[in-house]
Structures are given as C-alpha cells and as structure tokens.
Amino acid sequence: MPSNLPSPDAATPRREPQFVRVAETQREPLRFFLDGQEVTALHGDTLLTAVLMQQRRVRESEFSGAPRAGFCLIGACQDCWMRTEDGLRLRACSTLVAEGMRVVTRLATGVATVTNGDAQ
C-alpha cells in the first residue's frame, strides 16, 4: 500500500494523471496554468477534474506536506482547497476551471494571502 507521507521528491508532483477521461471528450478545450505550466482541460470540468487529469494530487497539506486529492467530491470535507497564484482560495471539487486560470498546488512559505478581507 502506498504511503501518504511526503516522499523525498514531494516538491515535484508526478505528472502522471490520477483520472483518465472516458466520456464527454467532445467538449471544447481550454487552457489553464498549473504551478506555472500551461495545461489543458475541457469546458465544464471542475478544477479537481482538470488538475487530476494532469497529475495525482490537487495540493499538498499545509500541515504535513502529504499529497491531497480530494475526499468527498461534493464540497463538504475541505480536502480539495487550492489557491490561485494571487492567493484566492478555491474549492477544486465545485469550481469550474476557466480559460487562463492560474492555480498552484502549494503556497510559497512565508507569504501571507488575503481571502475575503482576512489575512491567512
């Protein structure tokens, strides 16, 4: 059974997908940026789907550094929170990916961000 603890190369997420698309392949493609790298998704994809079509995690835990890939997939568990490059928090399972969206799998250390007027 694979460990959920960070590996020595945890800083570089593996670029093999967690999800494989088997249906709805005819929707129009769009581009977005994942950790600064341009990737593609399809219109109507949630951010969770779009990211997991690219790699095996949506973020790293801010507490342990362990990879997180969502849990409940319905917006109840708080496990799929991601951030945009400018620090806005998004729930990956219920946010539709948008053309040109820029998201990161981990926040730079020592950087305060503002969400709804509160520093975090």
N, C-alpha and C. Protein backbone atom coordinates (compact mmCIF):
# COMPACT_ATOMS: atom_id res chain seq x y z
N MET A 1 0.85 -1.17 0.00
CA MET A 1 0.00 0.00 0.00
C MET A 1 0.89 1.23 0.00
N PRO A 2 0.63 2.20 -0.90
CA PRO A 2 1.48 3.38 -0.96
C PRO A 2 1.31 4.24 0.29
N SER A 3 2.40 4.88 0.69
CA SER A 3 2.38 5.76 1.85
C SER A 3 1.74 7.09 1.49
N ASN A 4 1.08 7.71 2.46
CA ASN A 4 0.56 9.04 2.23
C ASN A 4 1.49 10.11 2.78
N LEU A 5 2.65 9.70 3.24
CA LEU A 5 3.64 10.64 3.74
C LEU A 5 4.44 11.21 2.57
N PRO A 6 4.94 12.43 2.72
CA PRO A 6 5.70 13.02 1.62
C PRO A 6 6.95 12.21 1.30
N SER A 7 7.23 12.07 0.05
CA SER A 7 8.44 11.37 -0.38
C SER A 7 9.56 12.39 -0.51
N PRO A 8 10.80 11.94 -0.64
CA PRO A 8 11.91 12.88 -0.78
C PRO A 8 11.74 13.82 -1.97
N ASP A 9 11.03 13.37 -3.00
CA ASP A 9 10.81 14.22 -4.17
C ASP A 9 9.41 14.82 -4.16
N ALA A 10 8.83 15.01 -2.98
CA ALA A 10 7.46 15.54 -2.87
C ALA A 10 7.34 16.95 -3.43
N ALA A 11 8.44 17.68 -3.51
CA ALA A 11 8.39 19.04 -4.03
C ALA A 11 8.00 19.06 -5.50
N THR A 12 8.20 17.97 -6.20
CA THR A 12 7.87 17.90 -7.61
C THR A 12 6.76 16.86 -7.81
N PRO A 13 5.50 17.31 -7.97
CA PRO A 13 4.43 16.35 -8.18
C PRO A 13 4.66 15.54 -9.45
N ARG A 14 4.36 14.26 -9.38
CA ARG A 14 4.48 13.44 -10.57
C ARG A 14 3.45 13.88 -11.58
N ARG A 15 3.80 13.93 -12.82
CA ARG A 15 2.90 14.39 -13.87
C ARG A 15 2.18 13.24 -14.55
N GLU A 16 1.92 12.18 -13.83
CA GLU A 16 1.06 11.13 -14.38
C GLU A 16 -0.34 11.37 -13.82
N PRO A 17 -1.38 11.22 -14.64
CA PRO A 17 -2.73 11.56 -14.19
C PRO A 17 -3.32 10.58 -13.18
N GLN A 18 -4.14 11.11 -12.30
CA GLN A 18 -4.93 10.29 -11.38
C GLN A 18 -6.20 9.82 -12.10
N PHE A 19 -6.77 10.71 -12.96
CA PHE A 19 -8.00 10.41 -13.69
C PHE A 19 -7.69 10.17 -15.16
N VAL A 20 -8.52 9.38 -15.80
CA VAL A 20 -8.46 9.16 -17.25
C VAL A 20 -9.85 9.44 -17.80
N ARG A 21 -9.95 10.32 -18.77
CA ARG A 21 -11.24 10.68 -19.34
C ARG A 21 -11.74 9.57 -20.26
N VAL A 22 -12.96 9.08 -20.01
CA VAL A 22 -13.53 8.02 -20.83
C VAL A 22 -14.81 8.46 -21.53
N ALA A 23 -15.33 9.63 -21.20
CA ALA A 23 -16.57 10.12 -21.80
C ALA A 23 -16.50 11.63 -21.95
N GLU A 24 -17.45 12.19 -22.64
CA GLU A 24 -17.56 13.64 -22.85
C GLU A 24 -16.26 14.23 -23.40
N THR A 25 -15.68 13.57 -24.34
CA THR A 25 -14.40 14.01 -24.90
C THR A 25 -14.56 15.07 -25.98
N GLN A 26 -15.79 15.37 -26.38
CA GLN A 26 -16.02 16.31 -27.48
C GLN A 26 -16.21 17.75 -27.03
N ARG A 27 -16.20 18.01 -25.70
CA ARG A 27 -16.35 19.38 -25.24
C ARG A 27 -15.14 20.22 -25.67
N GLU A 28 -15.36 21.53 -25.80
CA GLU A 28 -14.32 22.44 -26.26
C GLU A 28 -13.17 22.52 -25.25
N PRO A 29 -11.92 22.43 -25.72
CA PRO A 29 -10.77 22.53 -24.81
C PRO A 29 -10.54 23.97 -24.37
N LEU A 30 -9.88 24.11 -23.24
CA LEU A 30 -9.41 25.41 -22.76
C LEU A 30 -8.07 25.20 -22.10
N ARG A 31 -7.35 26.30 -21.89
CA ARG A 31 -6.04 26.19 -21.26
C ARG A 31 -6.08 26.87 -19.91
N PHE A 32 -5.30 26.33 -18.98
CA PHE A 32 -5.11 26.96 -17.68
C PHE A 32 -3.69 26.66 -17.24
N PHE A 33 -3.28 27.26 -16.14
CA PHE A 33 -1.90 27.11 -15.68
C PHE A 33 -1.87 26.43 -14.33
N LEU A 34 -1.10 25.37 -14.24
CA LEU A 34 -0.95 24.58 -13.03
C LEU A 34 0.50 24.68 -12.59
N ASP A 35 0.74 25.33 -11.47
CA ASP A 35 2.11 25.56 -10.99
C ASP A 35 2.97 26.21 -12.07
N GLY A 36 2.38 27.16 -12.79
CA GLY A 36 3.10 27.92 -13.81
C GLY A 36 3.21 27.24 -15.16
N GLN A 37 2.76 26.00 -15.28
CA GLN A 37 2.86 25.26 -16.53
C GLN A 37 1.51 25.25 -17.23
N GLU A 38 1.48 25.61 -18.51
CA GLU A 38 0.23 25.61 -19.27
C GLU A 38 -0.22 24.18 -19.53
N VAL A 39 -1.47 23.89 -19.20
CA VAL A 39 -2.07 22.58 -19.41
C VAL A 39 -3.48 22.80 -19.98
N THR A 40 -4.15 21.71 -20.35
CA THR A 40 -5.48 21.85 -20.93
C THR A 40 -6.53 21.10 -20.12
N ALA A 41 -7.76 21.54 -20.29
CA ALA A 41 -8.94 20.91 -19.70
C ALA A 41 -10.05 21.04 -20.73
N LEU A 42 -11.24 20.61 -20.37
CA LEU A 42 -12.39 20.78 -21.25
C LEU A 42 -13.41 21.66 -20.55
N HIS A 43 -14.12 22.50 -21.33
CA HIS A 43 -15.17 23.35 -20.77
C HIS A 43 -16.13 22.48 -19.98
N GLY A 44 -16.47 22.93 -18.78
CA GLY A 44 -17.37 22.18 -17.91
C GLY A 44 -16.66 21.32 -16.89
N ASP A 45 -15.35 21.17 -17.00
CA ASP A 45 -14.58 20.42 -15.99
C ASP A 45 -14.50 21.22 -14.70
N THR A 46 -14.58 20.52 -13.57
CA THR A 46 -14.25 21.18 -12.32
C THR A 46 -12.74 21.30 -12.25
N LEU A 47 -12.27 22.17 -11.38
CA LEU A 47 -10.84 22.31 -11.18
C LEU A 47 -10.24 20.99 -10.71
N LEU A 48 -10.95 20.28 -9.85
CA LEU A 48 -10.47 18.98 -9.36
C LEU A 48 -10.25 18.02 -10.53
N THR A 49 -11.22 17.91 -11.40
CA THR A 49 -11.09 17.02 -12.57
C THR A 49 -9.93 17.47 -13.45
N ALA A 50 -9.87 18.76 -13.73
CA ALA A 50 -8.84 19.29 -14.62
C ALA A 50 -7.44 19.02 -14.08
N VAL A 51 -7.24 19.23 -12.78
CA VAL A 51 -5.92 19.01 -12.18
C VAL A 51 -5.59 17.52 -12.14
N LEU A 52 -6.56 16.69 -11.73
CA LEU A 52 -6.29 15.25 -11.63
C LEU A 52 -6.19 14.56 -12.99
N MET A 53 -6.57 15.25 -14.04
CA MET A 53 -6.29 14.75 -15.39
C MET A 53 -4.83 14.98 -15.76
N GLN A 54 -4.14 15.83 -14.98
CA GLN A 54 -2.74 16.16 -15.24
C GLN A 54 -1.77 15.46 -14.29
N GLN A 55 -2.19 15.27 -13.04
CA GLN A 55 -1.28 14.74 -12.02
C GLN A 55 -2.07 14.04 -10.93
N ARG A 56 -1.39 13.53 -9.92
CA ARG A 56 -2.02 12.67 -8.91
C ARG A 56 -2.48 13.41 -7.66
N ARG A 57 -2.31 14.72 -7.57
CA ARG A 57 -2.72 15.47 -6.37
C ARG A 57 -3.25 16.83 -6.77
N VAL A 58 -4.10 17.42 -5.92
CA VAL A 58 -4.55 18.79 -6.16
C VAL A 58 -3.77 19.78 -5.32
N ARG A 59 -3.19 19.30 -4.23
CA ARG A 59 -2.40 20.18 -3.38
C ARG A 59 -1.60 19.34 -2.40
N GLU A 60 -0.76 20.01 -1.65
CA GLU A 60 -0.04 19.38 -0.55
C GLU A 60 -0.60 19.92 0.75
N SER A 61 -0.76 19.08 1.75
CA SER A 61 -1.26 19.51 3.04
C SER A 61 -0.35 20.58 3.62
N GLU A 62 -0.96 21.65 4.10
CA GLU A 62 -0.16 22.71 4.71
C GLU A 62 0.39 22.28 6.06
N PHE A 63 -0.10 21.19 6.62
CA PHE A 63 0.35 20.72 7.92
C PHE A 63 1.46 19.67 7.82
N SER A 64 1.29 18.71 6.90
CA SER A 64 2.26 17.61 6.82
C SER A 64 3.04 17.57 5.51
N GLY A 65 2.57 18.28 4.50
CA GLY A 65 3.21 18.20 3.19
C GLY A 65 2.74 17.00 2.38
N ALA A 66 1.83 16.19 2.96
CA ALA A 66 1.33 15.00 2.27
C ALA A 66 0.43 15.40 1.11
N PRO A 67 0.44 14.62 0.04
CA PRO A 67 -0.40 14.95 -1.11
C PRO A 67 -1.88 14.77 -0.77
N ARG A 68 -2.72 15.66 -1.31
CA ARG A 68 -4.16 15.60 -1.13
C ARG A 68 -4.80 15.59 -2.51
N ALA A 69 -5.85 14.79 -2.69
CA ALA A 69 -6.51 14.70 -3.99
C ALA A 69 -8.02 14.78 -3.86
N GLY A 70 -8.51 15.41 -2.81
CA GLY A 70 -9.95 15.48 -2.59
C GLY A 70 -10.41 14.23 -1.85
N PHE A 71 -11.57 14.30 -1.25
CA PHE A 71 -12.07 13.17 -0.47
C PHE A 71 -13.54 12.92 -0.78
N CYS A 72 -14.40 13.88 -0.45
CA CYS A 72 -15.84 13.64 -0.60
C CYS A 72 -16.34 13.96 -2.00
N LEU A 73 -15.67 14.86 -2.71
CA LEU A 73 -16.01 15.29 -4.07
C LEU A 73 -17.35 16.03 -4.17
N ILE A 74 -17.89 16.49 -3.03
CA ILE A 74 -19.15 17.24 -3.04
C ILE A 74 -19.06 18.56 -2.26
N GLY A 75 -17.87 19.00 -1.88
CA GLY A 75 -17.70 20.28 -1.23
C GLY A 75 -17.91 20.29 0.27
N ALA A 76 -17.91 19.14 0.92
CA ALA A 76 -18.18 19.09 2.35
C ALA A 76 -16.92 18.89 3.21
N CYS A 77 -15.87 18.31 2.68
CA CYS A 77 -14.77 17.84 3.54
C CYS A 77 -13.60 18.80 3.70
N GLN A 78 -13.48 19.83 2.91
CA GLN A 78 -12.38 20.80 2.99
C GLN A 78 -11.05 20.25 2.48
N ASP A 79 -11.03 19.10 1.86
CA ASP A 79 -9.77 18.47 1.46
C ASP A 79 -9.23 18.96 0.12
N CYS A 80 -10.06 19.58 -0.69
CA CYS A 80 -9.62 19.93 -2.04
C CYS A 80 -9.36 21.43 -2.23
N TRP A 81 -9.22 22.18 -1.14
CA TRP A 81 -8.92 23.60 -1.29
C TRP A 81 -7.63 23.79 -2.08
N MET A 82 -7.67 24.68 -3.05
CA MET A 82 -6.48 25.07 -3.82
C MET A 82 -6.40 26.59 -3.77
N ARG A 83 -5.32 27.14 -4.28
CA ARG A 83 -5.18 28.59 -4.36
C ARG A 83 -4.81 29.00 -5.77
N THR A 84 -5.26 30.19 -6.12
CA THR A 84 -4.81 30.78 -7.36
C THR A 84 -3.42 31.36 -7.09
N GLU A 85 -2.72 31.76 -8.14
CA GLU A 85 -1.38 32.33 -7.95
C GLU A 85 -1.43 33.60 -7.11
N ASP A 86 -2.55 34.31 -7.11
CA ASP A 86 -2.64 35.53 -6.29
C ASP A 86 -3.22 35.27 -4.90
N GLY A 87 -3.40 33.99 -4.51
CA GLY A 87 -3.76 33.63 -3.14
C GLY A 87 -5.22 33.37 -2.87
N LEU A 88 -6.10 33.54 -3.84
CA LEU A 88 -7.53 33.27 -3.64
C LEU A 88 -7.76 31.79 -3.43
N ARG A 89 -8.48 31.43 -2.37
CA ARG A 89 -8.80 30.02 -2.10
C ARG A 89 -9.99 29.57 -2.93
N LEU A 90 -9.87 28.39 -3.52
CA LEU A 90 -10.94 27.81 -4.34
C LEU A 90 -11.16 26.37 -3.91
N ARG A 91 -12.41 25.94 -3.88
CA ARG A 91 -12.72 24.55 -3.65
C ARG A 91 -12.67 23.85 -5.01
N ALA A 92 -11.69 22.99 -5.22
CA ALA A 92 -11.45 22.39 -6.53
C ALA A 92 -12.62 21.52 -7.00
N CYS A 93 -13.33 20.90 -6.07
CA CYS A 93 -14.40 19.98 -6.48
C CYS A 93 -15.65 20.69 -6.96
N SER A 94 -15.81 21.99 -6.65
CA SER A 94 -17.03 22.69 -7.05
C SER A 94 -16.76 23.96 -7.85
N THR A 95 -15.51 24.21 -8.22
CA THR A 95 -15.15 25.38 -9.02
C THR A 95 -14.87 24.92 -10.44
N LEU A 96 -15.56 25.54 -11.41
CA LEU A 96 -15.29 25.20 -12.81
C LEU A 96 -13.99 25.85 -13.24
N VAL A 97 -13.18 25.09 -13.96
CA VAL A 97 -11.93 25.65 -14.48
C VAL A 97 -12.28 26.66 -15.56
N ALA A 98 -11.53 27.76 -15.60
CA ALA A 98 -11.78 28.83 -16.56
C ALA A 98 -10.55 29.05 -17.43
N GLU A 99 -10.79 29.54 -18.63
CA GLU A 99 -9.71 29.85 -19.56
C GLU A 99 -8.71 30.78 -18.88
N GLY A 100 -7.42 30.39 -18.90
CA GLY A 100 -6.35 31.22 -18.35
C GLY A 100 -6.21 31.18 -16.84
N MET A 101 -7.05 30.41 -16.13
CA MET A 101 -6.96 30.31 -14.68
C MET A 101 -5.54 29.88 -14.30
N ARG A 102 -5.04 30.42 -13.19
CA ARG A 102 -3.68 30.11 -12.73
C ARG A 102 -3.77 29.61 -11.30
N VAL A 103 -3.50 28.31 -11.09
CA VAL A 103 -3.59 27.71 -9.76
C VAL A 103 -2.26 27.07 -9.38
N VAL A 104 -2.08 26.93 -8.05
CA VAL A 104 -0.86 26.33 -7.53
C VAL A 104 -1.23 25.19 -6.59
N THR A 105 -0.34 24.19 -6.51
CA THR A 105 -0.59 23.06 -5.63
C THR A 105 -0.06 23.29 -4.23
N ARG A 106 0.78 24.30 -4.06
CA ARG A 106 1.23 24.67 -2.72
C ARG A 106 1.58 26.14 -2.72
N LEU A 107 1.40 26.74 -1.57
CA LEU A 107 1.65 28.16 -1.41
C LEU A 107 3.09 28.36 -0.98
N ALA A 108 3.72 29.39 -1.49
CA ALA A 108 5.09 29.70 -1.08
C ALA A 108 5.11 29.98 0.42
N THR A 109 6.11 29.49 1.10
CA THR A 109 6.18 29.68 2.55
C THR A 109 6.49 31.13 2.88
N GLY A 110 5.91 31.58 3.99
CA GLY A 110 6.18 32.93 4.46
C GLY A 110 5.41 34.01 3.73
N VAL A 111 4.44 33.63 2.88
CA VAL A 111 3.67 34.60 2.13
C VAL A 111 2.27 34.66 2.70
N ALA A 112 1.86 35.81 3.18
CA ALA A 112 0.50 35.99 3.67
C ALA A 112 -0.41 36.24 2.47
N THR A 113 -1.60 35.69 2.53
CA THR A 113 -2.56 35.93 1.45
C THR A 113 -3.82 36.51 2.04
N VAL A 114 -4.63 37.10 1.20
CA VAL A 114 -5.87 37.70 1.65
C VAL A 114 -7.03 36.97 1.00
N THR A 115 -7.98 36.52 1.83
CA THR A 115 -9.18 35.86 1.35
C THR A 115 -10.36 36.52 2.06
N ASN A 116 -11.26 37.09 1.32
CA ASN A 116 -12.44 37.75 1.89
C ASN A 116 -12.04 38.80 2.92
N GLY A 117 -10.94 39.50 2.70
CA GLY A 117 -10.51 40.57 3.58
C GLY A 117 -9.71 40.14 4.79
N ASP A 118 -9.50 38.83 4.98
CA ASP A 118 -8.76 38.33 6.13
C ASP A 118 -7.41 37.80 5.70
N ALA A 119 -6.35 38.21 6.37
CA ALA A 119 -5.02 37.65 6.07
C ALA A 119 -4.96 36.23 6.57
N GLN A 120 -4.32 35.35 5.79
CA GLN A 120 -4.20 33.94 6.17
C GLN A 120 -2.78 33.49 6.04
